[in-house]
Amino acid sequence: RIGSDRWSLDAIPPCVERLKNRAKQLGLWNLFLPKPIPNEIRALCDQDNASFVSPSMYLSNREYGVLCEIMGRSLLASEACNCNA
């Protein structure tokens, strides 16, 4: 979509929410976080989503940069992994 239409909810492919849920299950959510989130902040999160706040692994800036380069080749990858800015 082009123009102002591209910012409407109809412009989001239906598969994006499925991809987000799968990324959370695989621990590929919030990969930009460099270290674990403190327990005080985790406690503030919705209990159903608390395990999805932190990724399953912590990457160096270099490792994350390589993944960003790869995710940048896809229109959906960074959105699905919550690494879009």
N, C-alpha and C. Protein backbone atom coordinates (compact mmCIF):
# COMPACT_ATOMS: atom_id res chain seq x y z
N ARG A 1 0.83 -1.18 0.00
CA ARG A 1 0.00 0.00 0.00
C ARG A 1 0.87 1.24 0.00
N ILE A 2 0.36 2.27 -0.60
CA ILE A 2 1.09 3.53 -0.65
C ILE A 2 0.22 4.65 -0.10
N GLY A 3 0.87 5.74 0.23
CA GLY A 3 0.14 6.88 0.76
C GLY A 3 -0.29 6.64 2.20
N SER A 4 -1.33 7.34 2.62
CA SER A 4 -1.79 7.22 4.00
C SER A 4 -2.43 5.86 4.27
N ASP A 5 -2.79 5.15 3.24
CA ASP A 5 -3.36 3.80 3.39
C ASP A 5 -2.41 2.82 4.05
N ARG A 6 -1.11 3.04 3.90
CA ARG A 6 -0.14 2.07 4.43
C ARG A 6 -0.10 2.06 5.95
N TRP A 7 -0.67 3.06 6.61
CA TRP A 7 -0.66 3.12 8.07
C TRP A 7 -1.95 2.59 8.69
N SER A 8 -2.85 2.07 7.90
CA SER A 8 -4.11 1.55 8.44
C SER A 8 -3.91 0.11 8.92
N LEU A 9 -4.77 -0.32 9.82
CA LEU A 9 -4.67 -1.70 10.34
C LEU A 9 -4.91 -2.73 9.25
N ASP A 10 -5.65 -2.34 8.21
CA ASP A 10 -5.89 -3.27 7.10
C ASP A 10 -4.63 -3.56 6.31
N ALA A 11 -3.62 -2.71 6.44
CA ALA A 11 -2.39 -2.88 5.69
C ALA A 11 -1.47 -3.94 6.31
N ILE A 12 -1.74 -4.34 7.54
CA ILE A 12 -0.91 -5.33 8.22
C ILE A 12 -1.34 -6.73 7.76
N PRO A 13 -0.41 -7.48 7.21
CA PRO A 13 -0.77 -8.85 6.77
C PRO A 13 -1.27 -9.68 7.96
N PRO A 14 -2.27 -10.50 7.76
CA PRO A 14 -2.83 -11.29 8.86
C PRO A 14 -1.83 -12.26 9.50
N CYS A 15 -0.80 -12.62 8.80
CA CYS A 15 0.17 -13.58 9.34
C CYS A 15 1.09 -12.96 10.39
N VAL A 16 1.14 -11.64 10.50
CA VAL A 16 2.09 -10.98 11.41
C VAL A 16 1.84 -11.39 12.87
N GLU A 17 0.61 -11.42 13.30
CA GLU A 17 0.32 -11.81 14.69
C GLU A 17 0.73 -13.25 14.96
N ARG A 18 0.52 -14.14 14.01
CA ARG A 18 0.98 -15.54 14.16
C ARG A 18 2.50 -15.59 14.26
N LEU A 19 3.18 -14.79 13.43
CA LEU A 19 4.64 -14.76 13.46
C LEU A 19 5.15 -14.21 14.80
N LYS A 20 4.49 -13.20 15.33
CA LYS A 20 4.88 -12.64 16.63
C LYS A 20 4.74 -13.69 17.73
N ASN A 21 3.63 -14.39 17.74
CA ASN A 21 3.43 -15.43 18.76
C ASN A 21 4.47 -16.53 18.64
N ARG A 22 4.80 -16.91 17.43
CA ARG A 22 5.81 -17.97 17.23
C ARG A 22 7.19 -17.48 17.67
N ALA A 23 7.53 -16.23 17.37
CA ALA A 23 8.82 -15.67 17.80
C ALA A 23 8.91 -15.65 19.32
N LYS A 24 7.83 -15.32 19.99
CA LYS A 24 7.82 -15.34 21.46
C LYS A 24 8.05 -16.75 21.97
N GLN A 25 7.39 -17.73 21.37
CA GLN A 25 7.55 -19.13 21.79
C GLN A 25 8.98 -19.60 21.62
N LEU A 26 9.64 -19.14 20.57
CA LEU A 26 11.00 -19.57 20.28
C LEU A 26 12.06 -18.74 21.01
N GLY A 27 11.63 -17.73 21.78
CA GLY A 27 12.58 -16.89 22.50
C GLY A 27 13.27 -15.88 21.59
N LEU A 28 12.65 -15.56 20.48
CA LEU A 28 13.23 -14.60 19.53
C LEU A 28 12.54 -13.24 19.63
N TRP A 29 12.05 -12.91 20.80
CA TRP A 29 11.32 -11.67 21.03
C TRP A 29 12.21 -10.72 21.81
N ASN A 30 12.26 -9.46 21.43
CA ASN A 30 13.07 -8.44 22.09
C ASN A 30 14.56 -8.79 22.08
N LEU A 31 15.07 -9.20 20.95
CA LEU A 31 16.47 -9.60 20.85
C LEU A 31 17.44 -8.46 21.12
N PHE A 32 16.96 -7.22 21.08
CA PHE A 32 17.82 -6.06 21.28
C PHE A 32 18.23 -5.88 22.74
N LEU A 33 17.57 -6.57 23.68
CA LEU A 33 17.90 -6.40 25.09
C LEU A 33 19.26 -7.03 25.39
N PRO A 34 20.21 -6.24 25.92
CA PRO A 34 21.57 -6.76 26.12
C PRO A 34 21.76 -7.60 27.37
N LYS A 35 20.84 -7.52 28.33
CA LYS A 35 20.97 -8.32 29.56
C LYS A 35 19.59 -8.53 30.17
N PRO A 36 19.48 -9.45 31.12
CA PRO A 36 18.17 -9.76 31.69
C PRO A 36 17.49 -8.54 32.30
N ILE A 37 16.18 -8.54 32.24
CA ILE A 37 15.38 -7.48 32.84
C ILE A 37 15.28 -7.75 34.34
N PRO A 38 15.46 -6.72 35.17
CA PRO A 38 15.36 -6.94 36.62
C PRO A 38 13.99 -7.48 37.02
N ASN A 39 13.97 -8.29 38.06
CA ASN A 39 12.72 -8.92 38.52
C ASN A 39 11.67 -7.90 38.91
N GLU A 40 12.08 -6.72 39.39
CA GLU A 40 11.11 -5.69 39.78
C GLU A 40 10.30 -5.24 38.56
N ILE A 41 10.94 -5.15 37.42
CA ILE A 41 10.25 -4.73 36.20
C ILE A 41 9.43 -5.89 35.65
N ARG A 42 9.96 -7.08 35.72
CA ARG A 42 9.21 -8.26 35.25
C ARG A 42 7.90 -8.40 36.02
N ALA A 43 7.93 -8.08 37.30
CA ALA A 43 6.73 -8.21 38.14
C ALA A 43 5.62 -7.28 37.67
N LEU A 44 5.98 -6.18 37.03
CA LEU A 44 4.98 -5.23 36.54
C LEU A 44 4.32 -5.69 35.25
N CYS A 45 4.88 -6.68 34.61
CA CYS A 45 4.35 -7.16 33.34
C CYS A 45 3.14 -8.05 33.56
N ASP A 46 2.33 -8.12 32.54
CA ASP A 46 1.19 -9.03 32.55
C ASP A 46 1.71 -10.45 32.77
N GLN A 47 1.16 -11.16 33.73
CA GLN A 47 1.66 -12.49 34.09
C GLN A 47 1.63 -13.46 32.91
N ASP A 48 0.66 -13.33 32.03
CA ASP A 48 0.59 -14.23 30.88
C ASP A 48 1.73 -13.98 29.91
N ASN A 49 2.25 -12.76 29.89
CA ASN A 49 3.29 -12.40 28.93
C ASN A 49 4.65 -12.20 29.59
N ALA A 50 4.76 -12.45 30.89
CA ALA A 50 6.01 -12.18 31.60
C ALA A 50 7.19 -12.95 31.02
N SER A 51 6.96 -14.18 30.58
CA SER A 51 8.07 -14.97 30.03
C SER A 51 8.51 -14.46 28.66
N PHE A 52 7.70 -13.63 28.03
CA PHE A 52 8.03 -13.14 26.70
C PHE A 52 8.74 -11.79 26.73
N VAL A 53 8.93 -11.23 27.91
CA VAL A 53 9.55 -9.91 28.00
C VAL A 53 11.01 -9.99 27.61
N SER A 54 11.70 -11.00 28.07
CA SER A 54 13.12 -11.16 27.78
C SER A 54 13.34 -12.24 26.74
N PRO A 55 14.36 -12.07 25.92
CA PRO A 55 14.66 -13.12 24.94
C PRO A 55 15.27 -14.33 25.64
N SER A 56 15.36 -15.44 24.93
CA SER A 56 15.94 -16.64 25.52
C SER A 56 17.46 -16.59 25.52
N MET A 57 18.02 -15.62 24.80
CA MET A 57 19.47 -15.46 24.76
C MET A 57 19.80 -13.97 24.74
N TYR A 58 20.98 -13.62 25.15
CA TYR A 58 21.40 -12.22 25.15
C TYR A 58 22.56 -12.09 24.20
N LEU A 59 22.45 -11.15 23.29
CA LEU A 59 23.41 -11.00 22.20
C LEU A 59 24.30 -9.79 22.41
N SER A 60 25.51 -9.88 21.91
CA SER A 60 26.37 -8.69 21.88
C SER A 60 25.85 -7.76 20.79
N ASN A 61 26.32 -6.53 20.80
CA ASN A 61 25.90 -5.60 19.75
C ASN A 61 26.28 -6.13 18.37
N ARG A 62 27.41 -6.75 18.29
CA ARG A 62 27.85 -7.30 16.99
C ARG A 62 26.92 -8.42 16.52
N GLU A 63 26.59 -9.34 17.42
CA GLU A 63 25.69 -10.43 17.07
C GLU A 63 24.32 -9.91 16.67
N TYR A 64 23.83 -8.94 17.44
CA TYR A 64 22.52 -8.36 17.13
C TYR A 64 22.56 -7.62 15.79
N GLY A 65 23.66 -6.95 15.51
CA GLY A 65 23.81 -6.24 14.24
C GLY A 65 23.73 -7.18 13.05
N VAL A 66 24.34 -8.35 13.17
CA VAL A 66 24.29 -9.34 12.09
C VAL A 66 22.85 -9.80 11.89
N LEU A 67 22.12 -10.07 12.99
CA LEU A 67 20.73 -10.48 12.87
C LEU A 67 19.87 -9.37 12.25
N CYS A 68 20.15 -8.12 12.63
CA CYS A 68 19.39 -7.00 12.05
C CYS A 68 19.62 -6.91 10.55
N GLU A 69 20.84 -7.16 10.13
CA GLU A 69 21.13 -7.13 8.69
C GLU A 69 20.31 -8.21 7.97
N ILE A 70 20.25 -9.38 8.56
CA ILE A 70 19.48 -10.47 7.96
C ILE A 70 17.98 -10.18 8.01
N MET A 71 17.49 -9.70 9.16
CA MET A 71 16.07 -9.39 9.28
C MET A 71 15.66 -8.25 8.36
N GLY A 72 16.61 -7.38 8.05
CA GLY A 72 16.32 -6.25 7.18
C GLY A 72 16.00 -6.66 5.75
N ARG A 73 16.29 -7.87 5.40
CA ARG A 73 15.98 -8.36 4.05
C ARG A 73 14.52 -8.74 3.90
N SER A 74 13.81 -8.80 5.01
CA SER A 74 12.40 -9.17 5.01
C SER A 74 11.56 -7.99 5.47
N LEU A 75 10.39 -7.84 4.90
CA LEU A 75 9.50 -6.77 5.32
C LEU A 75 8.81 -7.10 6.65
N LEU A 76 8.79 -8.36 7.04
CA LEU A 76 8.05 -8.77 8.23
C LEU A 76 8.93 -9.20 9.40
N ALA A 77 10.17 -9.58 9.17
CA ALA A 77 10.99 -10.20 10.21
C ALA A 77 11.19 -9.31 11.42
N SER A 78 11.57 -8.05 11.23
CA SER A 78 11.83 -7.20 12.38
C SER A 78 10.55 -6.92 13.17
N GLU A 79 9.44 -6.80 12.49
CA GLU A 79 8.13 -6.61 13.16
C GLU A 79 7.77 -7.87 13.95
N ALA A 80 7.99 -9.03 13.38
CA ALA A 80 7.62 -10.28 14.02
C ALA A 80 8.46 -10.55 15.26
N CYS A 81 9.69 -10.06 15.31
CA CYS A 81 10.58 -10.28 16.46
C CYS A 81 10.62 -9.09 17.41
N ASN A 82 9.78 -8.09 17.17
CA ASN A 82 9.72 -6.88 17.98
C ASN A 82 11.07 -6.15 18.00
N CYS A 83 11.73 -6.14 16.87
CA CYS A 83 13.02 -5.47 16.74
C CYS A 83 12.95 -4.33 15.73
N ASN A 84 11.77 -3.84 15.47
CA ASN A 84 11.62 -2.75 14.51
C ASN A 84 11.70 -1.41 15.22
N ALA A 85 12.26 -0.45 14.57
CA ALA A 85 12.37 0.88 15.16
C ALA A 85 11.76 1.92 14.26
